[in-house]
């Protein structure tokens, strides 16, 4: 399958965007003081674990999507003769 240049850039940008958003989310989750992420004893709650799993899954998917975009751009560069 051959990806177009705009689609490859979009996929790569999506991967980078995913990392920016979800790393920020994890940082905010870790520093949460509202009582949702950690109970009174300072232990993580179910809310914390579910959202951490969501963030990790999104990071993995974003990495995969970004890698596909990067591979598409490299393939297009090889096809055009620029090594």
Protein backbone atom coordinates (compact mmCIF):
# COMPACT_ATOMS: atom_id res chain seq x y z
CA UNK A 1 0.00 0.00 0.00
CA UNK A 2 1.27 3.45 -0.86
CA UNK A 3 0.41 6.42 1.32
CA UNK A 4 0.17 9.92 -0.08
CA UNK A 5 2.46 12.63 1.25
CA UNK A 6 -0.38 14.57 2.96
CA UNK A 7 -1.71 11.41 4.61
CA UNK A 8 1.77 10.42 5.79
CA UNK A 9 2.30 13.87 7.32
CA UNK A 10 -1.13 13.71 8.95
CA UNK A 11 -0.38 10.33 10.53
CA UNK A 12 3.01 11.51 11.78
CA UNK A 13 1.48 14.72 13.18
CA UNK A 14 -1.26 12.67 14.87
CA UNK A 15 1.40 10.52 16.56
CA UNK A 16 3.26 13.57 17.85
CA UNK A 17 0.01 15.23 18.95
CA UNK A 18 -0.98 12.08 20.81
CA UNK A 19 2.28 12.14 22.77
CA UNK A 20 1.91 15.83 23.66
CA UNK A 21 -1.69 15.46 24.81
CA UNK A 22 -1.38 12.20 26.73
CA UNK A 23 1.89 12.99 28.48
CA UNK A 24 0.28 16.22 29.69
CA UNK A 25 -2.78 14.25 30.78
CA UNK A 26 -0.68 11.75 32.75
CA UNK A 27 1.20 14.61 34.42
CA UNK A 28 -2.09 16.27 35.41
CA UNK A 29 -3.54 12.97 36.58
CA UNK A 30 -0.49 12.33 38.77
CA UNK A 31 -0.75 15.80 40.33
CA UNK A 32 -4.54 15.58 40.81
CA UNK A 33 -5.61 17.00 44.16
CA UNK A 34 -9.39 16.80 43.69
CA UNK A 35 -9.66 13.41 45.37
CA UNK A 36 -10.58 11.55 42.20
CA UNK A 37 -7.18 10.03 41.41
CA UNK A 38 -5.98 9.43 44.96
CA UNK A 39 -7.90 8.70 48.14
CA UNK A 40 -7.33 10.37 51.52
CA UNK A 41 -4.49 7.96 52.32
CA UNK A 42 -2.72 8.88 49.07
CA UNK A 43 -3.41 5.55 47.37
CA UNK A 44 -4.44 5.46 43.70
CA UNK A 45 -8.15 4.98 43.07
CA UNK A 46 -9.90 3.02 40.33
CA UNK A 47 -10.33 6.35 38.49
CA UNK A 48 -6.53 6.73 38.43
CA UNK A 49 -5.90 3.20 37.12
CA UNK A 50 -8.57 3.36 34.42
CA UNK A 51 -7.35 6.71 33.14
CA UNK A 52 -3.70 5.66 33.30
CA UNK A 53 -4.55 2.57 31.22
CA UNK A 54 -6.45 4.76 28.76
CA UNK A 55 -3.47 7.11 28.45
CA UNK A 56 -0.95 4.29 27.97
CA UNK A 57 -3.14 2.65 25.33
CA UNK A 58 -3.49 5.97 23.52
CA UNK A 59 0.27 6.51 23.63
CA UNK A 60 0.88 3.08 22.12
CA UNK A 61 -1.69 3.64 19.37
CA UNK A 62 -0.34 7.13 18.68
CA UNK A 63 3.17 5.71 18.42
CA UNK A 64 1.98 3.09 15.93
CA UNK A 65 0.08 5.61 13.82
CA UNK A 66 3.05 8.00 13.85
CA UNK A 67 5.41 5.20 12.84
CA UNK A 68 3.18 4.35 9.86
CA UNK A 69 3.27 8.02 8.81
CA UNK A 70 7.05 8.15 9.17
CA UNK A 71 7.46 4.96 7.12
CA UNK A 72 5.18 6.43 4.46
CA UNK A 73 7.28 9.60 4.24
CA UNK A 74 10.53 7.59 4.04
CA UNK A 75 9.08 5.41 1.27
CA UNK A 76 8.00 8.47 -0.70
CA UNK A 77 11.47 9.99 -0.31
CA UNK A 78 13.12 6.78 -1.59
CA UNK A 79 10.73 6.65 -4.56
CA UNK A 80 11.52 10.20 -5.55
CA UNK A 81 15.24 9.41 -5.65
CA UNK A 82 16.25 11.48 -2.62
CA UNK A 83 18.12 9.22 -0.25
